[in-house]
Amino acid sequence: MPVIENTHGWYTDEEIAKCVPSPRMADGLRPNTPGWWDTLCEPGKYTGDGHNGYFAEVAAVMPDAGRWCDVGCGLGEFLGYMARAKPGLEGWGWDVTPVAVEHARKRLNTERLAVGTLPDWIPWCGVRFDVVTVLEVIEHFPLSAARPVIEAAVSIAPLTILTVPNGLDFASGHFVWYDLELFRSMLPPGYSVSGEIVPNQRHWMFTVTK
């Protein structure tokens, strides 16, 4: 897909309600429902390997030591990558899908993983983070629901790194196509944000500091 840096878009809530998803991702279930994610994360259904094209770019802007949380960690592919790339970082993970978290625990042999929604998870976590990553997550929320997720993510660490697809694909559960202009409009006051399209041209990476 050609890169059009100043283009963005989204499905409205009404359009989302009417759309019929493709069966290619998770047996034709409606994207982003619990059953869709559970099916997608079953062993052998999906590996997450398609996301590793931007891992090196994200790792390059992360500190070498400290504590970090991967919000929407899925099957734990980025947690595993970072354990090898920067072992001085203590990795934690969160995901809304129990099937994914169970798989990640086995894959990584760690208990520093939690199931739940991000705003609910923050109060009882009791852990301060130096950096948070939110990789290929916020595009799965309708625009009307994305801002609380973004605000919660950037509230738990001084540095937050997010990636999103450079495009729009309802069949894959992508409801919003972000660029830097749209993403900035979703941030609460007092945050500084930069953005770039990573070399594979398929993803935006946003860096948020406060």
C-alpha atoms as a PDB file:
ATOM      1  CA  MET A   1       0.000   0.000   0.000  1.00  0.00           C
ATOM      2  CA  PRO A   2       1.422   3.435  -0.851  1.00  0.00           C
ATOM      3  CA  VAL A   3       2.191   5.677   2.095  1.00  0.00           C
ATOM      4  CA  ILE A   4      -0.046   8.748   2.354  1.00  0.00           C
ATOM      5  CA  GLU A   5       1.281  10.423   5.452  1.00  0.00           C
ATOM      6  CA  ASN A   6      -1.554  12.886   5.995  1.00  0.00           C
ATOM      7  CA  THR A   7      -4.479  10.526   5.510  1.00  0.00           C
ATOM      8  CA  HIS A   8      -6.542   8.952   8.243  1.00  0.00           C
ATOM      9  CA  GLY A   9     -10.034   7.594   8.706  1.00  0.00           C
ATOM     10  CA  TRP A  10     -12.300   5.388  10.766  1.00  0.00           C
ATOM     11  CA  TYR A  11     -15.465   3.369  10.738  1.00  0.00           C
ATOM     12  CA  THR A  12     -18.324   5.046  12.578  1.00  0.00           C
ATOM     13  CA  ASP A  13     -20.135   3.165  15.331  1.00  0.00           C
ATOM     14  CA  GLU A  14     -23.075   2.737  12.945  1.00  0.00           C
ATOM     15  CA  GLU A  15     -20.860   1.318  10.199  1.00  0.00           C
ATOM     16  CA  ILE A  16     -19.199  -1.076  12.623  1.00  0.00           C
ATOM     17  CA  ALA A  17     -22.594  -2.377  13.708  1.00  0.00           C
ATOM     18  CA  LYS A  18     -23.542  -3.089  10.090  1.00  0.00           C
ATOM     19  CA  CYS A  19     -20.268  -4.563   8.813  1.00  0.00           C
ATOM     20  CA  VAL A  20     -19.945  -8.256   8.056  1.00  0.00           C
ATOM     21  CA  PRO A  21     -16.391  -9.476   8.758  1.00  0.00           C
ATOM     22  CA  SER A  22     -14.352 -11.758   6.559  1.00  0.00           C
ATOM     23  CA  PRO A  23     -13.874 -15.317   7.858  1.00  0.00           C
ATOM     24  CA  ARG A  24     -10.133 -15.187   7.186  1.00  0.00           C
ATOM     25  CA  MET A  25      -9.105 -14.062  10.684  1.00  0.00           C
ATOM     26  CA  ALA A  26     -11.215 -15.995  13.202  1.00  0.00           C
ATOM     27  CA  ASP A  27     -13.882 -18.191  11.670  1.00  0.00           C
ATOM     28  CA  GLY A  28     -16.082 -15.297  10.628  1.00  0.00           C
ATOM     29  CA  LEU A  29     -16.822 -14.068  14.150  1.00  0.00           C
ATOM     30  CA  ARG A  30     -17.334 -10.346  14.628  1.00  0.00           C
ATOM     31  CA  PRO A  31     -13.944  -8.707  15.195  1.00  0.00           C
ATOM     32  CA  ASN A  32     -12.844  -7.822  18.729  1.00  0.00           C
ATOM     33  CA  THR A  33     -15.552  -9.746  20.542  1.00  0.00           C
ATOM     34  CA  PRO A  34     -14.278 -12.107  23.282  1.00  0.00           C
ATOM     35  CA  GLY A  35     -15.030 -15.125  21.111  1.00  0.00           C
ATOM     36  CA  TRP A  36     -13.146 -13.619  18.158  1.00  0.00           C
ATOM     37  CA  TRP A  37     -10.004 -13.040  20.240  1.00  0.00           C
ATOM     38  CA  ASP A  38     -10.207 -16.416  21.965  1.00  0.00           C
ATOM     39  CA  THR A  39     -10.516 -18.150  18.596  1.00  0.00           C
ATOM     40  CA  LEU A  40      -7.728 -16.076  17.067  1.00  0.00           C
ATOM     41  CA  CYS A  41      -5.339 -16.904  19.931  1.00  0.00           C
ATOM     42  CA  GLU A  42      -5.912 -20.642  19.965  1.00  0.00           C
ATOM     43  CA  PRO A  43      -2.682 -22.590  19.302  1.00  0.00           C
ATOM     44  CA  GLY A  44      -2.088 -22.950  15.587  1.00  0.00           C
ATOM     45  CA  LYS A  45      -4.593 -20.262  14.610  1.00  0.00           C
ATOM     46  CA  TYR A  46      -2.306 -17.240  14.781  1.00  0.00           C
ATOM     47  CA  THR A  47       1.319 -16.787  15.822  1.00  0.00           C
ATOM     48  CA  GLY A  48       1.756 -13.010  15.905  1.00  0.00           C
ATOM     49  CA  ASP A  49       4.809 -13.288  13.662  1.00  0.00           C
ATOM     50  CA  GLY A  50       3.372 -10.735  11.253  1.00  0.00           C
ATOM     51  CA  HIS A  51       4.022  -8.022  13.833  1.00  0.00           C
ATOM     52  CA  ASN A  52       7.748  -8.550  14.199  1.00  0.00           C
ATOM     53  CA  GLY A  53       8.573  -6.168  11.347  1.00  0.00           C
ATOM     54  CA  TYR A  54       8.616  -3.214  13.737  1.00  0.00           C
ATOM     55  CA  PHE A  55      10.050  -4.812  16.905  1.00  0.00           C
ATOM     56  CA  ALA A  56      13.582  -3.507  16.311  1.00  0.00           C
ATOM     57  CA  GLU A  57      12.347   0.079  15.838  1.00  0.00           C
ATOM     58  CA  VAL A  58      10.388  -0.039  19.102  1.00  0.00           C
ATOM     59  CA  ALA A  59      13.276  -1.631  21.017  1.00  0.00           C
ATOM     60  CA  ALA A  60      15.634   1.090  19.799  1.00  0.00           C
ATOM     61  CA  VAL A  61      13.725   3.833  21.655  1.00  0.00           C
ATOM     62  CA  MET A  62      13.240   1.860  24.871  1.00  0.00           C
ATOM     63  CA  PRO A  63      15.615   2.122  27.859  1.00  0.00           C
ATOM     64  CA  ASP A  64      18.076  -0.672  28.579  1.00  0.00           C
ATOM     65  CA  ALA A  65      16.919  -1.177  32.177  1.00  0.00           C
ATOM     66  CA  GLY A  66      13.897  -0.589  34.382  1.00  0.00           C
ATOM     67  CA  ARG A  67      10.357  -1.931  34.410  1.00  0.00           C
ATOM     68  CA  TRP A  68       8.017  -1.928  31.443  1.00  0.00           C
ATOM     69  CA  CYS A  69       4.541  -3.112  30.597  1.00  0.00           C
ATOM     70  CA  ASP A  70       3.312  -4.378  27.240  1.00  0.00           C
ATOM     71  CA  VAL A  71      -0.381  -3.429  27.103  1.00  0.00           C
ATOM     72  CA  GLY A  72      -2.277  -5.844  24.884  1.00  0.00           C
ATOM     73  CA  CYS A  73       0.611  -8.308  24.972  1.00  0.00           C
ATOM     74  CA  GLY A  74      -1.305 -11.001  23.097  1.00  0.00           C
ATOM     75  CA  LEU A  75       0.674 -14.212  22.811  1.00  0.00           C
ATOM     76  CA  GLY A  76       3.768 -12.568  24.291  1.00  0.00           C
ATOM     77  CA  GLU A  77       5.808 -12.296  21.113  1.00  0.00           C
ATOM     78  CA  PHE A  78       7.175  -8.819  21.905  1.00  0.00           C
ATOM     79  CA  LEU A  79       7.804  -9.716  25.558  1.00  0.00           C
ATOM     80  CA  GLY A  80       9.879 -12.644  24.351  1.00  0.00           C
ATOM     81  CA  TYR A  81      11.745 -10.483  21.846  1.00  0.00           C
ATOM     82  CA  MET A  82      12.621  -7.910  24.491  1.00  0.00           C
ATOM     83  CA  ALA A  83      13.755 -10.554  26.990  1.00  0.00           C
ATOM     84  CA  ARG A  84      16.482 -11.358  24.468  1.00  0.00           C
ATOM     85  CA  ALA A  85      17.131  -7.836  23.145  1.00  0.00           C
ATOM     86  CA  LYS A  86      17.196  -5.961  26.483  1.00  0.00           C
ATOM     87  CA  PRO A  87      17.315  -8.402  29.397  1.00  0.00           C
ATOM     88  CA  GLY A  88      17.826  -5.516  31.833  1.00  0.00           C
ATOM     89  CA  LEU A  89      14.175  -4.519  31.371  1.00  0.00           C
ATOM     90  CA  GLU A  90      11.694  -6.294  33.661  1.00  0.00           C
ATOM     91  CA  GLY A  91       8.765  -7.082  31.406  1.00  0.00           C
ATOM     92  CA  TRP A  92       5.117  -7.209  32.459  1.00  0.00           C
ATOM     93  CA  GLY A  93       2.146  -7.895  30.218  1.00  0.00           C
ATOM     94  CA  TRP A  94      -1.585  -7.330  30.089  1.00  0.00           C
ATOM     95  CA  ASP A  95      -4.248  -8.561  27.692  1.00  0.00           C
ATOM     96  CA  VAL A  96      -8.018  -8.796  27.682  1.00  0.00           C
ATOM     97  CA  THR A  97      -7.966 -12.329  26.255  1.00  0.00           C
ATOM     98  CA  PRO A  98      -7.488 -15.210  28.729  1.00  0.00           C
ATOM     99  CA  VAL A  99      -6.481 -17.624  25.957  1.00  0.00           C
ATOM    100  CA  ALA A 100      -3.652 -15.300  24.885  1.00  0.00           C
ATOM    101  CA  VAL A 101      -2.399 -14.736  28.441  1.00  0.00           C
ATOM    102  CA  GLU A 102      -2.394 -18.459  29.192  1.00  0.00           C
ATOM    103  CA  HIS A 103      -0.366 -19.076  26.039  1.00  0.00           C
ATOM    104  CA  ALA A 104       2.029 -16.218  26.894  1.00  0.00           C
ATOM    105  CA  ARG A 105       2.598 -17.562  30.434  1.00  0.00           C
ATOM    106  CA  LYS A 106       3.613 -20.932  29.056  1.00  0.00           C
ATOM    107  CA  ARG A 107       5.705 -19.391  26.305  1.00  0.00           C
ATOM    108  CA  LEU A 108       7.594 -17.028  28.618  1.00  0.00           C
ATOM    109  CA  ASN A 109       7.488 -18.963  31.909  1.00  0.00           C
ATOM    110  CA  THR A 110       6.421 -15.873  33.853  1.00  0.00           C
ATOM    111  CA  GLU A 111       3.581 -14.838  36.149  1.00  0.00           C
ATOM    112  CA  ARG A 112       3.983 -11.115  35.442  1.00  0.00           C
ATOM    113  CA  LEU A 113       0.902 -11.185  33.220  1.00  0.00           C
ATOM    114  CA  ALA A 114      -2.690 -10.131  33.876  1.00  0.00           C
ATOM    115  CA  VAL A 115      -6.109 -10.474  32.237  1.00  0.00           C
ATOM    116  CA  GLY A 116      -8.546  -7.561  32.187  1.00  0.00           C
ATOM    117  CA  THR A 117      -9.301  -4.145  30.781  1.00  0.00           C
ATOM    118  CA  LEU A 118      -6.604  -1.515  31.101  1.00  0.00           C
ATOM    119  CA  PRO A 119      -8.505   1.054  33.228  1.00  0.00           C
ATOM    120  CA  ASP A 120      -9.584  -1.690  35.662  1.00  0.00           C
ATOM    121  CA  TRP A 121      -6.079  -3.103  35.825  1.00  0.00           C
ATOM    122  CA  ILE A 122      -4.271   0.117  36.793  1.00  0.00           C
ATOM    123  CA  PRO A 123      -5.577   0.566  40.393  1.00  0.00           C
ATOM    124  CA  TRP A 124      -4.732  -2.893  41.689  1.00  0.00           C
ATOM    125  CA  CYS A 125      -1.487  -3.384  39.811  1.00  0.00           C
ATOM    126  CA  GLY A 126       0.524  -1.342  42.340  1.00  0.00           C
ATOM    127  CA  VAL A 127       3.576  -1.255  40.048  1.00  0.00           C
ATOM    128  CA  ARG A 128       5.208   1.835  38.578  1.00  0.00           C
ATOM    129  CA  PHE A 129       6.602   1.517  35.076  1.00  0.00           C
ATOM    130  CA  ASP A 130       9.410   3.318  33.297  1.00  0.00           C
ATOM    131  CA  VAL A 131       7.948   2.622  29.871  1.00  0.00           C
ATOM    132  CA  VAL A 132       4.727   1.231  28.428  1.00  0.00           C
ATOM    133  CA  THR A 133       4.265  -0.253  24.973  1.00  0.00           C
ATOM    134  CA  VAL A 134       0.873  -0.443  23.250  1.00  0.00           C
ATOM    135  CA  LEU A 135       1.514  -2.260  20.001  1.00  0.00           C
ATOM    136  CA  GLU A 136      -1.266  -2.777  17.431  1.00  0.00           C
ATOM    137  CA  VAL A 137      -3.996  -2.255  20.053  1.00  0.00           C
ATOM    138  CA  ILE A 138      -5.833   1.058  19.798  1.00  0.00           C
ATOM    139  CA  GLU A 139      -6.942   0.525  16.204  1.00  0.00           C
ATOM    140  CA  HIS A 140      -9.133  -2.291  17.535  1.00  0.00           C
ATOM    141  CA  PHE A 141     -11.291   0.228  19.419  1.00  0.00           C
ATOM    142  CA  PRO A 142     -13.872   2.441  17.720  1.00  0.00           C
ATOM    143  CA  LEU A 143     -12.789   6.067  17.750  1.00  0.00           C
ATOM    144  CA  SER A 144     -15.452   6.818  20.358  1.00  0.00           C
ATOM    145  CA  ALA A 145     -13.827   4.348  22.776  1.00  0.00           C
ATOM    146  CA  ALA A 146     -10.153   4.900  21.947  1.00  0.00           C
ATOM    147  CA  ARG A 147      -9.410   8.029  23.970  1.00  0.00           C
ATOM    148  CA  PRO A 148      -9.946   6.431  27.437  1.00  0.00           C
ATOM    149  CA  VAL A 149      -7.629   3.596  26.423  1.00  0.00           C
ATOM    150  CA  ILE A 150      -4.946   6.024  25.256  1.00  0.00           C
ATOM    151  CA  GLU A 151      -5.291   8.161  28.388  1.00  0.00           C
ATOM    152  CA  ALA A 152      -4.985   5.099  30.633  1.00  0.00           C
ATOM    153  CA  ALA A 153      -1.899   3.878  28.784  1.00  0.00           C
ATOM    154  CA  VAL A 154       0.002   7.170  28.924  1.00  0.00           C
ATOM    155  CA  SER A 155      -0.896   7.679  32.604  1.00  0.00           C
ATOM    156  CA  ILE A 156       1.148   4.785  33.964  1.00  0.00           C
ATOM    157  CA  ALA A 157       4.665   5.674  32.761  1.00  0.00           C
ATOM    158  CA  PRO A 158       6.695   8.723  31.674  1.00  0.00           C
ATOM    159  CA  LEU A 159       7.298   7.129  28.260  1.00  0.00           C
ATOM    160  CA  THR A 160       4.689   5.371  26.138  1.00  0.00           C
ATOM    161  CA  ILE A 161       5.354   3.841  22.717  1.00  0.00           C
ATOM    162  CA  LEU A 162       2.459   2.898  20.460  1.00  0.00           C
ATOM    163  CA  THR A 163       2.257   1.337  17.022  1.00  0.00           C
ATOM    164  CA  VAL A 164      -0.752   1.180  14.709  1.00  0.00           C
ATOM    165  CA  PRO A 165      -1.307  -0.139  11.184  1.00  0.00           C
ATOM    166  CA  ASN A 166      -0.815   2.341   8.358  1.00  0.00           C
ATOM    167  CA  GLY A 167      -4.213   1.543   6.904  1.00  0.00           C
ATOM    168  CA  LEU A 168      -7.784   0.454   7.645  1.00  0.00           C
ATOM    169  CA  ASP A 169      -9.035  -3.147   7.552  1.00  0.00           C
ATOM    170  CA  PHE A 170     -12.320  -4.072   9.202  1.00  0.00           C
ATOM    171  CA  ALA A 171     -11.825  -7.779   8.482  1.00  0.00           C
ATOM    172  CA  SER A 172      -8.770  -7.737  10.755  1.00  0.00           C
ATOM    173  CA  GLY A 173     -10.624  -5.823  13.444  1.00  0.00           C
ATOM    174  CA  HIS A 174      -9.033  -2.463  12.566  1.00  0.00           C
ATOM    175  CA  PHE A 175     -11.589   0.278  13.101  1.00  0.00           C
ATOM    176  CA  VAL A 176      -9.365   3.393  12.965  1.00  0.00           C
ATOM    177  CA  TRP A 177      -6.556   4.458  10.631  1.00  0.00           C
ATOM    178  CA  TYR A 178      -4.342   6.788  12.650  1.00  0.00           C
ATOM    179  CA  ASP A 179      -1.766   9.248  11.485  1.00  0.00           C
ATOM    180  CA  LEU A 180       0.107  11.726  13.671  1.00  0.00           C
ATOM    181  CA  GLU A 181      -2.559  14.413  13.290  1.00  0.00           C
ATOM    182  CA  LEU A 182      -5.403  12.168  14.428  1.00  0.00           C
ATOM    183  CA  PHE A 183      -3.395  10.558  17.213  1.00  0.00           C
ATOM    184  CA  ARG A 184      -2.402  13.942  18.653  1.00  0.00           C
ATOM    185  CA  SER A 185      -6.065  14.941  18.742  1.00  0.00           C
ATOM    186  CA  MET A 186      -6.772  11.953  21.028  1.00  0.00           C
ATOM    187  CA  LEU A 187      -4.175  12.811  23.688  1.00  0.00           C
ATOM    188  CA  PRO A 188      -5.029  14.571  26.946  1.00  0.00           C
ATOM    189  CA  PRO A 189      -3.366  17.952  27.612  1.00  0.00           C
ATOM    190  CA  GLY A 190       0.228  18.070  28.820  1.00  0.00           C
ATOM    191  CA  TYR A 191       1.724  15.303  26.701  1.00  0.00           C
ATOM    192  CA  SER A 192       4.323  15.563  23.960  1.00  0.00           C
ATOM    193  CA  VAL A 193       4.070  13.191  21.010  1.00  0.00           C
ATOM    194  CA  SER A 194       6.186  12.399  17.964  1.00  0.00           C
ATOM    195  CA  GLY A 195       5.457   9.947  15.178  1.00  0.00           C
ATOM    196  CA  GLU A 196       7.057   8.220  12.220  1.00  0.00           C
ATOM    197  CA  ILE A 197       6.255   5.512   9.721  1.00  0.00           C
ATOM    198  CA  VAL A 198       8.608   2.597  10.337  1.00  0.00           C
ATOM    199  CA  PRO A 199      10.741   1.375   7.422  1.00  0.00           C
ATOM    200  CA  ASN A 200       8.431  -1.466   6.444  1.00  0.00           C
ATOM    201  CA  GLN A 201       5.858   1.274   5.600  1.00  0.00           C
ATOM    202  CA  ARG A 202       3.040  -0.730   7.162  1.00  0.00           C
ATOM    203  CA  HIS A 203       3.011   0.802  10.648  1.00  0.00           C
ATOM    204  CA  TRP A 204       3.082   4.135  12.450  1.00  0.00           C
ATOM    205  CA  MET A 205       5.093   4.413  15.671  1.00  0.00           C
ATOM    206  CA  PHE A 206       4.131   7.126  18.158  1.00  0.00           C
ATOM    207  CA  THR A 207       6.271   8.108  21.139  1.00  0.00           C
ATOM    208  CA  VAL A 208       4.525   9.916  24.014  1.00  0.00           C
ATOM    209  CA  THR A 209       6.269  11.631  26.940  1.00  0.00           C
ATOM    210  CA  LYS A 210       4.983  13.719  29.822  1.00  0.00           C
END
